[in-house]
C-alpha atoms as a PDB file:
ATOM      1  CA  MET A   1      12.468 -66.327  69.159  1.00  0.00           C
ATOM      2  CA  LYS A   2      15.467 -67.385  67.201  1.00  0.00           C
ATOM      3  CA  LYS A   3      13.282 -68.379  63.915  1.00  0.00           C
ATOM      4  CA  MET A   4      11.706 -65.076  64.244  1.00  0.00           C
ATOM      5  CA  LYS A   5      15.215 -62.694  64.414  1.00  0.00           C
ATOM      6  CA  LYS A   6      16.169 -65.055  61.333  1.00  0.00           C
ATOM      7  CA  SER A   7      13.105 -64.113  59.776  1.00  0.00           C
ATOM      8  CA  ILE A   8      13.153 -60.475  60.608  1.00  0.00           C
ATOM      9  CA  LYS A   9      17.212 -60.795  59.393  1.00  0.00           C
ATOM     10  CA  ARG A  10      16.030 -62.295  55.965  1.00  0.00           C
ATOM     11  CA  TYR A  11      13.585 -59.552  55.244  1.00  0.00           C
ATOM     12  CA  LEU A  12      15.822 -56.873  56.284  1.00  0.00           C
ATOM     13  CA  ILE A  13      18.066 -58.473  53.236  1.00  0.00           C
ATOM     14  CA  ILE A  14      15.631 -58.641  50.933  1.00  0.00           C
ATOM     15  CA  ILE A  15      14.620 -54.961  51.547  1.00  0.00           C
ATOM     16  CA  ILE A  16      18.069 -53.891  50.999  1.00  0.00           C
ATOM     17  CA  VAL A  17      18.466 -56.253  48.032  1.00  0.00           C
ATOM     18  CA  ILE A  18      15.556 -54.709  46.469  1.00  0.00           C
ATOM     19  CA  LEU A  19      16.523 -51.095  47.689  1.00  0.00           C
ATOM     20  CA  SER A  20      19.626 -51.835  46.263  1.00  0.00           C
ATOM     21  CA  LEU A  21      18.570 -53.057  42.811  1.00  0.00           C
ATOM     22  CA  MET A  22      16.437 -49.465  43.106  1.00  0.00           C
ATOM     23  CA  LEU A  23      19.361 -47.663  43.716  1.00  0.00           C
ATOM     24  CA  ILE A  24      21.019 -49.172  40.530  1.00  0.00           C
ATOM     25  CA  SER A  25      18.225 -48.544  38.443  1.00  0.00           C
ATOM     26  CA  ILE A  26      17.600 -45.121  39.074  1.00  0.00           C
ATOM     27  CA  ILE A  27      21.305 -44.455  39.041  1.00  0.00           C
ATOM     28  CA  ALA A  28      21.186 -46.555  35.830  1.00  0.00           C
ATOM     29  CA  LEU A  29      17.955 -44.785  34.494  1.00  0.00           C
ATOM     30  CA  TYR A  30      19.776 -41.493  35.083  1.00  0.00           C
ATOM     31  CA  TYR A  31      22.811 -41.808  33.327  1.00  0.00           C
ATOM     32  CA  VAL A  32      20.460 -43.763  30.719  1.00  0.00           C
ATOM     33  CA  CYS A  33      18.668 -40.087  30.148  1.00  0.00           C
ATOM     34  CA  LYS A  34      21.763 -38.329  30.566  1.00  0.00           C
ATOM     35  CA  LEU A  35      23.545 -40.462  27.665  1.00  0.00           C
ATOM     36  CA  LYS A  36      19.732 -40.240  25.524  1.00  0.00           C
ATOM     37  CA  ILE A  37      19.726 -36.379  26.310  1.00  0.00           C
ATOM     38  CA  ARG A  38      23.637 -35.949  25.151  1.00  0.00           C
ATOM     39  CA  TYR A  39      22.462 -38.117  21.966  1.00  0.00           C
ATOM     40  CA  ASP A  40      19.811 -35.706  21.010  1.00  0.00           C
ATOM     41  CA  ASN A  41      21.594 -32.977  21.563  1.00  0.00           C
ATOM     42  CA  GLU A  42      24.291 -34.152  19.038  1.00  0.00           C
ATOM     43  CA  GLN A  43      21.630 -35.174  16.387  1.00  0.00           C
ATOM     44  CA  LEU A  44      19.768 -31.987  16.883  1.00  0.00           C
ATOM     45  CA  ALA A  45      23.098 -30.056  16.381  1.00  0.00           C
ATOM     46  CA  ILE A  46      23.860 -32.340  13.284  1.00  0.00           C
ATOM     47  CA  ILE A  47      20.295 -31.163  11.779  1.00  0.00           C
ATOM     48  CA  GLN A  48      20.880 -27.907  13.066  1.00  0.00           C
ATOM     49  CA  GLU A  49      23.977 -27.258  10.939  1.00  0.00           C
ATOM     50  CA  LYS A  50      22.526 -29.306   7.936  1.00  0.00           C
ATOM     51  CA  ILE A  51      20.068 -27.209   8.036  1.00  0.00           C
ATOM     52  CA  ARG A  52      22.706 -24.039   7.926  1.00  0.00           C
ATOM     53  CA  ASP A  53      24.259 -25.968   5.508  1.00  0.00           C
ATOM     54  CA  ASP A  54      21.122 -26.258   3.059  1.00  0.00           C
ATOM     55  CA  ILE A  55      20.279 -22.456   3.422  1.00  0.00           C
ATOM     56  CA  GLU A  56      23.945 -21.474   2.852  1.00  0.00           C
ATOM     57  CA  TYR A  57      23.524 -23.139  -0.616  1.00  0.00           C
ATOM     58  CA  THR A  58      20.396 -22.077  -1.360  1.00  0.00           C
ATOM     59  CA  SER A  59      21.346 -18.482  -0.906  1.00  0.00           C
ATOM     60  CA  CYS A  60      24.383 -18.893  -3.024  1.00  0.00           C
ATOM     61  CA  MET A  61      22.513 -20.598  -5.841  1.00  0.00           C
ATOM     62  CA  LEU A  62      20.190 -17.874  -5.689  1.00  0.00           C
ATOM     63  CA  THR A  63      22.787 -15.510  -6.194  1.00  0.00           C
ATOM     64  CA  PRO A  64      24.377 -13.883  -9.777  1.00  0.00           C
ATOM     65  CA  TYR A  65      27.310 -15.857 -10.341  1.00  0.00           C
ATOM     66  CA  LYS A  66      29.718 -16.152 -13.171  1.00  0.00           C
ATOM     67  CA  SER A  67      32.819 -18.075 -13.663  1.00  0.00           C
ATOM     68  CA  ASN A  68      35.741 -16.791 -14.169  1.00  0.00           C
ATOM     69  CA  ASN A  69      36.541 -18.657 -17.489  1.00  0.00           C
ATOM     70  CA  ILE A  70      33.367 -17.680 -19.156  1.00  0.00           C
ATOM     71  CA  ASP A  71      34.569 -14.902 -20.892  1.00  0.00           C
ATOM     72  CA  THR A  72      37.258 -16.824 -22.160  1.00  0.00           C
ATOM     73  CA  LEU A  73      35.273 -19.625 -23.642  1.00  0.00           C
ATOM     74  CA  PHE A  74      33.226 -16.795 -25.636  1.00  0.00           C
ATOM     75  CA  ASN A  75      36.151 -15.210 -26.808  1.00  0.00           C
ATOM     76  CA  GLU A  76      37.107 -18.613 -28.283  1.00  0.00           C
ATOM     77  CA  LEU A  77      33.656 -18.830 -30.167  1.00  0.00           C
ATOM     78  CA  THR A  78      33.618 -15.595 -31.453  1.00  0.00           C
ATOM     79  CA  SER A  79      37.327 -15.990 -32.902  1.00  0.00           C
ATOM     80  CA  SER A  80      35.788 -18.904 -34.648  1.00  0.00           C
ATOM     81  CA  LEU A  81      33.349 -16.985 -36.201  1.00  0.00           C
ATOM     82  CA  ASN A  82      33.182 -13.876 -39.272  1.00  0.00           C
ATOM     83  CA  THR A  83      32.548 -11.140 -36.738  1.00  0.00           C
ATOM     84  CA  ASN A  84      32.031  -8.141 -39.722  1.00  0.00           C
ATOM     85  CA  ARG A  85      28.647 -10.551 -40.620  1.00  0.00           C
ATOM     86  CA  LEU A  86      27.334 -11.179 -37.071  1.00  0.00           C
ATOM     87  CA  ALA A  87      26.154  -9.295 -34.133  1.00  0.00           C
ATOM     88  CA  ILE A  88      25.217 -11.249 -30.695  1.00  0.00           C
ATOM     89  CA  TYR A  89      23.564 -10.263 -27.186  1.00  0.00           C
ATOM     90  CA  PHE A  90      23.543 -13.300 -24.614  1.00  0.00           C
ATOM     91  CA  GLU A  91      22.072 -12.139 -20.986  1.00  0.00           C
ATOM     92  CA  ASP A  92      21.461 -14.451 -17.887  1.00  0.00           C
ATOM     93  CA  LEU A  93      18.373 -12.987 -16.464  1.00  0.00           C
ATOM     94  CA  ASN A  94      19.663 -14.961 -13.090  1.00  0.00           C
ATOM     95  CA  ASN A  95      22.927 -14.756 -13.064  1.00  0.00           C
ATOM     96  CA  SER A  96      23.375 -11.275 -14.160  1.00  0.00           C
ATOM     97  CA  TYR A  97      25.840 -11.187 -16.811  1.00  0.00           C
ATOM     98  CA  THR A  98      26.255 -10.775 -20.618  1.00  0.00           C
ATOM     99  CA  LEU A  99      28.226 -11.791 -23.740  1.00  0.00           C
ATOM    100  CA  THR A 100      28.107  -9.420 -26.222  1.00  0.00           C
ATOM    101  CA  LEU A 101      29.731  -9.341 -30.125  1.00  0.00           C
ATOM    102  CA  ASN A 102      29.477  -6.199 -31.910  1.00  0.00           C
ATOM    103  CA  PRO A 103      26.255  -4.935 -29.387  1.00  0.00           C
ATOM    104  CA  ASN A 104      26.606  -1.495 -31.143  1.00  0.00           C
ATOM    105  CA  ALA A 105      26.202  -2.300 -34.804  1.00  0.00           C
ATOM    106  CA  ILE A 106      23.463  -1.191 -36.757  1.00  0.00           C
ATOM    107  CA  TYR A 107      21.628  -3.944 -38.845  1.00  0.00           C
ATOM    108  CA  TYR A 108      18.498  -3.767 -41.114  1.00  0.00           C
ATOM    109  CA  ASN A 109      15.033  -5.078 -38.225  1.00  0.00           C
ATOM    110  CA  ALA A 110      13.294  -7.236 -40.999  1.00  0.00           C
ATOM    111  CA  SER A 111      10.912  -8.872 -39.034  1.00  0.00           C
ATOM    112  CA  ILE A 112      12.117  -8.416 -35.664  1.00  0.00           C
ATOM    113  CA  ILE A 113       9.965  -5.334 -35.458  1.00  0.00           C
ATOM    114  CA  LYS A 114       6.991  -7.205 -35.329  1.00  0.00           C
ATOM    115  CA  LEU A 115       7.813  -8.179 -31.689  1.00  0.00           C
ATOM    116  CA  PHE A 116       7.105  -4.526 -30.779  1.00  0.00           C
ATOM    117  CA  ASP A 117       3.786  -4.985 -32.012  1.00  0.00           C
ATOM    118  CA  ALA A 118       2.831  -7.551 -29.573  1.00  0.00           C
ATOM    119  CA  ALA A 119       4.577  -5.742 -26.988  1.00  0.00           C
ATOM    120  CA  TYR A 120       2.394  -2.589 -27.488  1.00  0.00           C
ATOM    121  CA  ILE A 121      -0.587  -4.618 -27.693  1.00  0.00           C
ATOM    122  CA  ILE A 122      -0.101  -6.173 -24.205  1.00  0.00           C
ATOM    123  CA  ASP A 123       0.999  -3.159 -22.525  1.00  0.00           C
ATOM    124  CA  ASN A 124      -1.563  -1.298 -23.556  1.00  0.00           C
ATOM    125  CA  ASN A 125      -4.506  -3.981 -22.810  1.00  0.00           C
ATOM    126  CA  VAL A 126      -5.792  -3.454 -26.796  1.00  0.00           C
ATOM    127  CA  ASN A 127      -8.875  -5.673 -27.162  1.00  0.00           C
ATOM    128  CA  LEU A 128      -8.356  -8.677 -28.872  1.00  0.00           C
ATOM    129  CA  ASN A 129     -11.581  -9.648 -30.513  1.00  0.00           C
ATOM    130  CA  ASP A 130     -11.325  -5.835 -32.128  1.00  0.00           C
ATOM    131  CA  THR A 131     -11.232  -6.041 -35.843  1.00  0.00           C
ATOM    132  CA  ILE A 132      -9.309  -5.533 -39.181  1.00  0.00           C
ATOM    133  CA  THR A 133     -11.003  -4.808 -42.048  1.00  0.00           C
ATOM    134  CA  PHE A 134      -8.451  -7.469 -44.641  1.00  0.00           C
ATOM    135  CA  THR A 135      -8.391  -5.108 -47.430  1.00  0.00           C
ATOM    136  CA  SER A 136      -7.375  -5.999 -50.977  1.00  0.00           C
ATOM    137  CA  GLU A 137      -3.797  -4.436 -50.077  1.00  0.00           C
ATOM    138  CA  TYR A 138      -3.365  -6.423 -47.020  1.00  0.00           C
ATOM    139  CA  ARG A 139      -4.324  -9.753 -48.838  1.00  0.00           C
ATOM    140  CA  ASN A 140      -1.733  -9.149 -51.113  1.00  0.00           C
ATOM    141  CA  LEU A 141       0.996  -9.319 -48.567  1.00  0.00           C
ATOM    142  CA  SER A 142      -0.518 -12.381 -46.898  1.00  0.00           C
ATOM    143  CA  LYS A 143       0.935 -15.698 -46.859  1.00  0.00           C
ATOM    144  CA  GLU A 144      -0.169 -19.240 -47.800  1.00  0.00           C
ATOM    145  CA  GLU A 145       0.404 -20.384 -43.820  1.00  0.00           C
ATOM    146  CA  GLY A 146      -1.477 -16.755 -42.784  1.00  0.00           C
ATOM    147  CA  LEU A 147      -3.927 -14.616 -43.535  1.00  0.00           C
ATOM    148  CA  LEU A 148      -4.497 -15.913 -46.897  1.00  0.00           C
ATOM    149  CA  LYS A 149      -7.776 -18.170 -45.511  1.00  0.00           C
ATOM    150  CA  TYR A 150      -9.721 -14.956 -45.091  1.00  0.00           C
ATOM    151  CA  GLU A 151     -11.617 -13.462 -47.743  1.00  0.00           C
ATOM    152  CA  VAL A 152     -11.371  -9.683 -48.705  1.00  0.00           C
ATOM    153  CA  ASN A 153     -12.635  -7.365 -46.528  1.00  0.00           C
ATOM    154  CA  SER A 154     -13.814  -9.730 -44.074  1.00  0.00           C
ATOM    155  CA  LYS A 155     -12.995  -8.479 -40.904  1.00  0.00           C
ATOM    156  CA  ILE A 156     -10.386 -10.174 -38.630  1.00  0.00           C
ATOM    157  CA  PRO A 157      -9.930 -10.334 -34.880  1.00  0.00           C
ATOM    158  CA  ILE A 158      -6.555  -8.916 -33.656  1.00  0.00           C
ATOM    159  CA  LYS A 159      -5.931 -11.794 -31.712  1.00  0.00           C
ATOM    160  CA  ASP A 160      -5.777 -13.603 -35.136  1.00  0.00           C
ATOM    161  CA  ILE A 161      -3.481 -10.912 -36.724  1.00  0.00           C
ATOM    162  CA  LEU A 162      -1.273 -11.388 -33.724  1.00  0.00           C
ATOM    163  CA  TYR A 163      -0.777 -15.021 -33.881  1.00  0.00           C
ATOM    164  CA  TYR A 164      -0.026 -14.767 -37.659  1.00  0.00           C
ATOM    165  CA  LEU A 165       2.117 -11.648 -37.181  1.00  0.00           C
ATOM    166  CA  ILE A 166       4.855 -14.134 -34.639  1.00  0.00           C
ATOM    167  CA  SER A 167       3.914 -17.543 -35.514  1.00  0.00           C
ATOM    168  CA  VAL A 168       4.710 -17.061 -39.338  1.00  0.00           C
ATOM    169  CA  SER A 169       6.037 -13.677 -40.011  1.00  0.00           C
ATOM    170  CA  GLU A 170       3.036 -12.593 -41.483  1.00  0.00           C
ATOM    171  CA  ASN A 171       3.638  -9.170 -43.420  1.00  0.00           C
ATOM    172  CA  ALA A 172       0.352  -8.285 -43.846  1.00  0.00           C
ATOM    173  CA  SER A 173      -0.504  -8.310 -39.777  1.00  0.00           C
ATOM    174  CA  HIS A 174       2.390  -6.210 -39.349  1.00  0.00           C
ATOM    175  CA  ILE A 175       0.795  -3.607 -41.617  1.00  0.00           C
ATOM    176  CA  MET A 176      -2.338  -4.004 -40.577  1.00  0.00           C
ATOM    177  CA  LEU A 177      -1.693  -3.603 -36.723  1.00  0.00           C
ATOM    178  CA  THR A 178       1.044  -0.771 -37.629  1.00  0.00           C
ATOM    179  CA  ASP A 179      -2.271   1.196 -39.456  1.00  0.00           C
ATOM    180  CA  TYR A 180      -4.359   0.279 -36.472  1.00  0.00           C
ATOM    181  CA  ILE A 181      -1.954   1.054 -33.888  1.00  0.00           C
ATOM    182  CA  GLY A 182      -0.476   4.325 -35.596  1.00  0.00           C
ATOM    183  CA  VAL A 183       3.300   4.599 -36.241  1.00  0.00           C
ATOM    184  CA  ASP A 184       3.601   7.679 -33.934  1.00  0.00           C
ATOM    185  CA  ASN A 185       1.936   6.112 -31.531  1.00  0.00           C
ATOM    186  CA  LEU A 186       4.460   3.049 -31.598  1.00  0.00           C
ATOM    187  CA  ARG A 187       7.613   4.606 -31.631  1.00  0.00           C
ATOM    188  CA  ASN A 188       6.384   6.899 -28.685  1.00  0.00           C
ATOM    189  CA  TYR A 189       6.004   3.688 -26.781  1.00  0.00           C
ATOM    190  CA  ALA A 190       8.863   2.366 -27.656  1.00  0.00           C
ATOM    191  CA  LYS A 191      10.667   5.364 -26.272  1.00  0.00           C
ATOM    192  CA  ASN A 192       8.631   5.910 -23.579  1.00  0.00           C
ATOM    193  CA  THR A 193       7.972   2.390 -22.269  1.00  0.00           C
ATOM    194  CA  LEU A 194      11.645   0.889 -23.318  1.00  0.00           C
ATOM    195  CA  GLY A 195      13.912   3.902 -23.919  1.00  0.00           C
ATOM    196  CA  ILE A 196      14.062   2.261 -27.332  1.00  0.00           C
ATOM    197  CA  THR A 197      14.192   4.614 -30.227  1.00  0.00           C
ATOM    198  CA  LEU A 198      12.476   2.834 -33.328  1.00  0.00           C
ATOM    199  CA  THR A 199      13.796   4.420 -37.084  1.00  0.00           C
ATOM    200  CA  ILE A 200      10.452   3.102 -38.573  1.00  0.00           C
ATOM    201  CA  THR A 201       8.329   5.256 -40.419  1.00  0.00           C
ATOM    202  CA  ASP A 202       5.097   5.642 -42.554  1.00  0.00           C
ATOM    203  CA  SER A 203       6.924   4.424 -45.744  1.00  0.00           C
ATOM    204  CA  ASP A 204       9.480   1.830 -44.204  1.00  0.00           C
ATOM    205  CA  ARG A 205       7.821  -0.308 -41.407  1.00  0.00           C
ATOM    206  CA  PHE A 206      10.460  -2.227 -40.638  1.00  0.00           C
ATOM    207  CA  GLY A 207      13.715   0.096 -39.934  1.00  0.00           C
ATOM    208  CA  TYR A 208      16.946  -0.666 -38.314  1.00  0.00           C
ATOM    209  CA  MET A 209      18.586  -1.205 -34.720  1.00  0.00           C
ATOM    210  CA  SER A 210      21.126  -3.168 -32.842  1.00  0.00           C
ATOM    211  CA  VAL A 211      20.796  -6.145 -30.784  1.00  0.00           C
ATOM    212  CA  THR A 212      21.282  -4.170 -27.339  1.00  0.00           C
ATOM    213  CA  THR A 213      17.876  -2.628 -28.246  1.00  0.00           C
ATOM    214  CA  THR A 214      16.449  -6.237 -29.099  1.00  0.00           C
ATOM    215  CA  ASN A 215      17.835  -7.417 -25.389  1.00  0.00           C
ATOM    216  CA  THR A 216      15.628  -4.717 -24.058  1.00  0.00           C
ATOM    217  CA  LEU A 217      12.454  -5.539 -25.446  1.00  0.00           C
ATOM    218  CA  LEU A 218      13.300  -9.286 -24.795  1.00  0.00           C
ATOM    219  CA  LYS A 219      13.810  -8.677 -21.069  1.00  0.00           C
ATOM    220  CA  HIS A 220      10.982  -6.730 -21.371  1.00  0.00           C
ATOM    221  CA  VAL A 221       8.795  -9.158 -23.271  1.00  0.00           C
ATOM    222  CA  TYR A 222      10.315 -11.992 -20.891  1.00  0.00           C
ATOM    223  CA  GLU A 223       8.575  -9.696 -17.590  1.00  0.00           C
ATOM    224  CA  LEU A 224       5.467  -9.741 -19.553  1.00  0.00           C
ATOM    225  CA  LEU A 225       5.187 -13.265 -20.166  1.00  0.00           C
ATOM    226  CA  GLN A 226       5.711 -13.879 -16.423  1.00  0.00           C
ATOM    227  CA  ASN A 227       1.667 -13.309 -16.153  1.00  0.00           C
ATOM    228  CA  ASP A 228      -0.719 -15.580 -16.739  1.00  0.00           C
ATOM    229  CA  ASN A 229      -3.588 -13.966 -18.835  1.00  0.00           C
ATOM    230  CA  GLU A 230      -4.991 -14.461 -22.787  1.00  0.00           C
ATOM    231  CA  TYR A 231      -2.013 -12.188 -24.030  1.00  0.00           C
ATOM    232  CA  THR A 232       0.655 -13.763 -22.733  1.00  0.00           C
ATOM    233  CA  THR A 233      -1.254 -17.442 -23.675  1.00  0.00           C
ATOM    234  CA  LEU A 234      -1.512 -16.126 -27.431  1.00  0.00           C
ATOM    235  CA  LEU A 235       2.019 -14.826 -27.698  1.00  0.00           C
ATOM    236  CA  LYS A 236       4.150 -18.139 -25.784  1.00  0.00           C
ATOM    237  CA  ASP A 237       1.863 -19.869 -28.317  1.00  0.00           C
ATOM    238  CA  ALA A 238       2.766 -17.917 -31.111  1.00  0.00           C
ATOM    239  CA  MET A 239       6.516 -17.357 -30.107  1.00  0.00           C
ATOM    240  CA  ASN A 240       6.650 -21.426 -29.701  1.00  0.00           C
ATOM    241  CA  ASN A 241       7.166 -22.264 -33.429  1.00  0.00           C
ATOM    242  CA  ASP A 242       9.970 -24.121 -35.415  1.00  0.00           C
ATOM    243  CA  TYR A 243       9.450 -21.665 -38.303  1.00  0.00           C
ATOM    244  CA  TYR A 244      12.536 -20.462 -39.325  1.00  0.00           C
ATOM    245  CA  ASN A 245      13.753 -21.001 -35.355  1.00  0.00           C
ATOM    246  CA  GLY A 246      17.595 -20.462 -35.396  1.00  0.00           C
ATOM    247  CA  LEU A 247      17.896 -20.756 -31.975  1.00  0.00           C
ATOM    248  CA  ASN A 248      16.419 -23.997 -31.515  1.00  0.00           C
ATOM    249  CA  PHE A 249      18.988 -26.810 -31.157  1.00  0.00           C
ATOM    250  CA  ASP A 250      18.378 -30.932 -30.198  1.00  0.00           C
ATOM    251  CA  GLU A 251      16.104 -30.953 -27.670  1.00  0.00           C
ATOM    252  CA  LYS A 252      16.263 -27.312 -26.306  1.00  0.00           C
ATOM    253  CA  THR A 253      13.441 -24.855 -27.566  1.00  0.00           C
ATOM    254  CA  PHE A 254      13.267 -21.055 -27.389  1.00  0.00           C
ATOM    255  CA  LEU A 255      10.440 -19.148 -27.563  1.00  0.00           C
ATOM    256  CA  HIS A 256      11.286 -16.698 -30.712  1.00  0.00           C
ATOM    257  CA  LYS A 257      10.763 -14.371 -33.491  1.00  0.00           C
ATOM    258  CA  TYR A 258      13.127 -14.236 -36.798  1.00  0.00           C
ATOM    259  CA  GLY A 259      13.672 -11.804 -39.282  1.00  0.00           C
ATOM    260  CA  TYR A 260      14.743 -12.564 -42.938  1.00  0.00           C
ATOM    261  CA  TYR A 261      15.276  -9.851 -45.654  1.00  0.00           C
ATOM    262  CA  ASN A 262      18.035 -10.250 -48.423  1.00  0.00           C
ATOM    263  CA  GLN A 263      21.160 -10.805 -46.521  1.00  0.00           C
ATOM    264  CA  TYR A 264      19.767 -10.228 -43.125  1.00  0.00           C
ATOM    265  CA  PHE A 265      18.931 -13.409 -41.284  1.00  0.00           C
ATOM    266  CA  HIS A 266      18.002 -12.621 -37.340  1.00  0.00           C
ATOM    267  CA  ASP A 267      17.006 -14.652 -34.648  1.00  0.00           C
ATOM    268  CA  ILE A 268      15.611 -13.297 -31.536  1.00  0.00           C
ATOM    269  CA  GLY A 269      13.933 -15.161 -28.528  1.00  0.00           C
ATOM    270  CA  SER A 270      14.084 -16.572 -24.512  1.00  0.00           C
ATOM    271  CA  TYR A 271      15.404 -19.853 -23.463  1.00  0.00           C
ATOM    272  CA  ASN A 272      12.594 -20.116 -20.442  1.00  0.00           C
ATOM    273  CA  SER A 273      14.147 -22.402 -17.776  1.00  0.00           C
ATOM    274  CA  LEU A 274      14.699 -22.353 -13.708  1.00  0.00           C
ATOM    275  CA  ASN A 275      18.092 -20.575 -15.244  1.00  0.00           C
ATOM    276  CA  PRO A 276      16.324 -17.854 -17.893  1.00  0.00           C
ATOM    277  CA  TYR A 277      18.319 -16.271 -20.743  1.00  0.00           C
ATOM    278  CA  VAL A 278      17.723 -13.994 -23.252  1.00  0.00           C
ATOM    279  CA  ILE A 279      19.682 -13.606 -26.716  1.00  0.00           C
ATOM    280  CA  SER A 280      19.697 -11.959 -29.864  1.00  0.00           C
ATOM    281  CA  ILE A 281      21.582 -12.458 -33.097  1.00  0.00           C
ATOM    282  CA  PHE A 282      22.025 -10.793 -36.112  1.00  0.00           C
ATOM    283  CA  THR A 283      23.480 -12.034 -39.004  1.00  0.00           C
ATOM    284  CA  LEU A 284      24.324 -11.054 -42.907  1.00  0.00           C
ATOM    285  CA  PHE A 285      24.251 -14.883 -43.542  1.00  0.00           C
ATOM    286  CA  GLY A 286      21.200 -14.332 -46.093  1.00  0.00           C
ATOM    287  CA  ASN A 287      18.677 -17.040 -46.802  1.00  0.00           C
ATOM    288  CA  PRO A 288      18.166 -19.499 -43.957  1.00  0.00           C
ATOM    289  CA  ASP A 289      17.177 -22.189 -46.324  1.00  0.00           C
ATOM    290  CA  ALA A 290      20.896 -21.984 -48.093  1.00  0.00           C
ATOM    291  CA  GLY A 291      22.530 -22.614 -44.366  1.00  0.00           C
ATOM    292  CA  ALA A 292      22.002 -19.007 -42.636  1.00  0.00           C
ATOM    293  CA  LEU A 293      19.614 -21.338 -40.619  1.00  0.00           C
ATOM    294  CA  GLU A 294      21.916 -24.119 -39.499  1.00  0.00           C
ATOM    295  CA  LYS A 295      24.633 -21.118 -38.947  1.00  0.00           C
ATOM    296  CA  VAL A 296      22.735 -19.661 -36.520  1.00  0.00           C
ATOM    297  CA  SER A 297      21.915 -22.838 -34.891  1.00  0.00           C
ATOM    298  CA  ASN A 298      24.923 -23.776 -33.763  1.00  0.00           C
ATOM    299  CA  ILE A 299      25.795 -20.372 -32.547  1.00  0.00           C
ATOM    300  CA  SER A 300      23.007 -20.901 -30.248  1.00  0.00           C
ATOM    301  CA  LYS A 301      24.192 -24.562 -29.437  1.00  0.00           C
ATOM    302  CA  GLU A 302      27.491 -23.056 -28.799  1.00  0.00           C
ATOM    303  CA  ILE A 303      26.648 -20.184 -26.042  1.00  0.00           C
ATOM    304  CA  TYR A 304      24.036 -22.397 -24.438  1.00  0.00           C
ATOM    305  CA  ASN A 305      26.934 -25.112 -23.670  1.00  0.00           C
ATOM    306  CA  ILE A 306      29.113 -21.506 -21.912  1.00  0.00           C
ATOM    307  CA  TYR A 307      25.926 -20.583 -20.218  1.00  0.00           C
ATOM    308  CA  GLN A 308      25.259 -24.346 -18.785  1.00  0.00           C
ATOM    309  CA  THR A 309      29.258 -24.310 -18.098  1.00  0.00           C
ATOM    310  CA  ASN A 310      28.608 -21.170 -15.815  1.00  0.00           C
ATOM    311  CA  LEU A 311      25.860 -22.945 -14.131  1.00  0.00           C
ATOM    312  CA  ASN A 312      27.989 -26.490 -13.556  1.00  0.00           C
ATOM    313  CA  LYS A 313      30.528 -24.128 -12.137  1.00  0.00           C
ATOM    314  CA  LYS A 314      28.209 -22.332 -10.172  1.00  0.00           C
ATOM    315  CA  GLU A 315      26.716 -25.285  -8.587  1.00  0.00           C
ATOM    316  CA  GLU A 316      30.360 -26.660  -7.989  1.00  0.00           C
ATOM    317  CA  TYR A 317      30.982 -23.291  -5.891  1.00  0.00           C
ATOM    318  CA  CYS A 318      28.141 -23.069  -4.177  1.00  0.00           C
ATOM    319  CA  TYR A 319      28.228 -26.737  -2.777  1.00  0.00           C
ATOM    320  CA  ASN A 320      32.217 -26.511  -1.582  1.00  0.00           C
ATOM    321  CA  LEU A 321      31.193 -23.327  -0.003  1.00  0.00           C
ATOM    322  CA  ALA A 322      28.334 -24.568   1.848  1.00  0.00           C
ATOM    323  CA  TYR A 323      28.889 -28.309   2.646  1.00  0.00           C
ATOM    324  CA  ASN A 324      33.095 -28.727   2.484  1.00  0.00           C
END
């Protein structure tokens, strides 16, 4: 009987110990789960805060921004230049600010006008396979690098005429296309589509304008180039050249169109990146082979540096706004 009582007591003790251990385990598990939930919530809060910060940073970077010292930097640049022989119009398309010098001064267009021909062809969906007869009059205006490879009275596709119009600034192409389009039609197109008054006539196919006018044209051309079709592929290829490209410097490449006549040397174009801009530089610097090209390239580089300074300031501002 005594043995039996001892056994029962021992079993009870074992059961109590087991139950105690189970209770301790349950309590421990409870606290572990509670700590895990708290840890998970803390981690979730950290992740949510990071997401909010990232969204704020991204939103800030997508918002137009102009640093307070950008105008000062531009004024310092222009004060070192001969402003009587120069006009500039720069516009950062994402950040919605401009830098201008003599924006309304009127200059002879020279070959800048040819970009209007190209815009007309794209906007009016002119058949690129249509042809124009290459007369002897047109041939007399042609360049070695352009249409001279064609025989007189041959029929040249508009896509070839357009390419040489922009890539090597072929004068024959400009006269052929303005004959094909019609001078009045080109003027009406510029007025109705772009709000621009062209001063070209049948006797003077080049005319006069300001960098403000070419800035309007460049923004329109930039929008056109965002499409992906045979027209824009052709125009991009034609504009992506180094033929008197005064906007290019170092490894920076611009889609451009230059103009040169007597003392007038101009270059206009766009810098295509995640933060694109358009720029027009009109000058009275003269022959591009006698220093004008280098002068324009130096101006282009200095303006790029100002633009890049603004982007750096914007990134710093947005980072501090979101993460500090």
